[in-house]
Amino acid sequence: MNPAAREALRAIERIGKQWALGEADRAKLLGSASLGEPGPDVLDRIGHIVAIYNALHLIFEDTFADAWVHRSNAAFGGARPIDVLLDRDVMRLVAMRRYLETATYE
């Protein structure tokens, strides 16, 4: 595994721990059945997830930022953001990233 891919997976492991996700959910977050060698699509997803995580920590205090993903949110039809993220639809990741990045500039 190349160093960039290894570091990307480490980032997902750290974020997964902060968000209280097990290995199966971390793999699901990546749209994959396992946490093996990430391809370009998985690396793209990791980029969105890291951006979401960073935006949350810019907007909120750390403890609330990590809890935010587990609270229902009207912006996502009342769903918990983590459920939206685990749904494997990359466009929903993109939408959440845009939503949060927009909030960082307001």
Protein backbone atom coordinates (compact mmCIF):
# COMPACT_ATOMS: atom_id res chain seq x y z
CA MET A 1 0.00 0.00 0.00
CA ASN A 2 1.37 3.40 -0.89
CA PRO A 3 2.07 5.89 1.93
CA ALA A 4 -0.74 8.29 0.93
CA ALA A 5 -3.33 5.48 0.97
CA ARG A 6 -2.02 4.25 4.32
CA GLU A 7 -2.30 7.75 5.81
CA ALA A 8 -5.82 8.16 4.38
CA LEU A 9 -6.91 4.94 6.09
CA ARG A 10 -5.30 6.11 9.35
CA ALA A 11 -7.33 9.31 9.09
CA ILE A 12 -10.53 7.27 8.70
CA GLU A 13 -9.55 5.14 11.69
CA ARG A 14 -9.05 8.26 13.83
CA ILE A 15 -12.31 9.85 12.65
CA GLY A 16 -14.13 6.54 13.14
CA LYS A 17 -12.93 6.39 16.74
CA GLN A 18 -14.00 9.99 17.36
CA TRP A 19 -17.42 9.16 15.90
CA ALA A 20 -17.63 5.83 17.81
CA LEU A 21 -17.75 3.69 14.64
CA GLY A 22 -16.70 0.07 14.55
CA GLU A 23 -14.64 -1.44 11.73
CA ALA A 24 -17.73 -2.53 9.76
CA ASP A 25 -19.17 1.00 9.85
CA ARG A 26 -15.80 2.54 8.93
CA ALA A 27 -15.73 0.26 5.87
CA LYS A 28 -19.33 1.19 5.07
CA LEU A 29 -18.38 4.86 5.39
CA LEU A 30 -15.91 4.22 2.58
CA GLY A 31 -18.53 2.46 0.46
CA SER A 32 -16.58 -0.77 0.81
CA ALA A 33 -16.99 -4.20 2.36
CA SER A 34 -13.54 -4.01 3.98
CA LEU A 35 -10.75 -1.61 4.91
CA GLY A 36 -8.27 -3.03 2.40
CA GLU A 37 -6.25 -1.24 -0.29
CA PRO A 38 -8.24 1.90 -1.19
CA GLY A 39 -8.87 2.64 -4.86
CA PRO A 40 -9.41 6.11 -6.35
CA ASP A 41 -13.13 6.14 -5.51
CA VAL A 42 -12.43 5.28 -1.86
CA LEU A 43 -9.71 7.93 -1.65
CA ASP A 44 -12.23 10.44 -3.04
CA ARG A 45 -14.71 9.45 -0.32
CA ILE A 46 -11.99 9.79 2.33
CA GLY A 47 -11.33 13.33 1.09
CA HIS A 48 -15.00 14.23 1.58
CA ILE A 49 -15.14 12.60 5.03
CA VAL A 50 -12.00 14.41 6.21
CA ALA A 51 -13.43 17.70 4.90
CA ILE A 52 -16.70 17.04 6.77
CA TYR A 53 -14.80 16.24 9.96
CA ASN A 54 -12.64 19.37 9.63
CA ALA A 55 -15.64 21.60 8.90
CA LEU A 56 -17.44 20.29 11.98
CA HIS A 57 -14.42 21.11 14.12
CA LEU A 58 -14.24 24.61 12.68
CA ILE A 59 -17.93 25.24 13.39
CA PHE A 60 -18.30 23.55 16.79
CA GLU A 61 -16.31 22.81 19.93
CA ASP A 62 -14.64 19.37 19.63
CA THR A 63 -16.99 17.34 21.83
CA PHE A 64 -20.11 18.72 20.14
CA ALA A 65 -18.54 18.41 16.68
CA ASP A 66 -18.10 14.67 17.17
CA ALA A 67 -21.55 14.26 18.74
CA TRP A 68 -23.20 16.23 15.89
CA VAL A 69 -23.07 13.24 13.54
CA HIS A 70 -25.26 11.23 15.95
CA ARG A 71 -28.01 13.85 16.44
CA SER A 72 -31.05 14.08 14.18
CA ASN A 73 -30.84 17.06 11.87
CA ALA A 74 -33.62 18.84 9.98
CA ALA A 75 -31.18 19.60 7.15
CA PHE A 76 -31.12 15.87 6.41
CA GLY A 77 -34.85 15.24 6.68
CA GLY A 78 -34.57 14.50 10.41
CA ALA A 79 -32.01 11.75 9.84
CA ARG A 80 -28.82 11.54 11.84
CA PRO A 81 -25.86 12.72 9.73
CA ILE A 82 -24.03 9.45 10.45
CA ASP A 83 -26.89 7.52 8.82
CA VAL A 84 -26.62 9.74 5.76
CA LEU A 85 -22.86 9.15 5.65
CA LEU A 86 -23.23 5.37 6.02
CA ASP A 87 -25.75 5.13 3.20
CA ARG A 88 -22.85 4.71 0.67
CA ASP A 89 -24.14 7.35 -1.76
CA VAL A 90 -21.14 9.55 -2.51
CA MET A 91 -23.39 12.39 -3.63
CA ARG A 92 -24.83 12.56 -0.12
CA LEU A 93 -21.26 12.94 1.19
CA VAL A 94 -20.71 15.76 -1.27
CA ALA A 95 -23.98 17.44 -0.24
CA MET A 96 -23.10 17.21 3.46
CA ARG A 97 -19.62 18.59 2.79
CA ARG A 98 -21.07 21.55 0.88
CA TYR A 99 -23.66 22.17 3.61
CA LEU A 100 -20.97 22.29 6.30
CA GLU A 101 -18.44 24.24 4.28
CA THR A 102 -21.09 26.84 3.53
CA ALA A 103 -21.72 27.14 7.28
CA THR A 104 -18.02 27.74 7.92
CA TYR A 105 -18.15 30.88 5.76
CA GLU A 106 -21.26 32.39 7.35
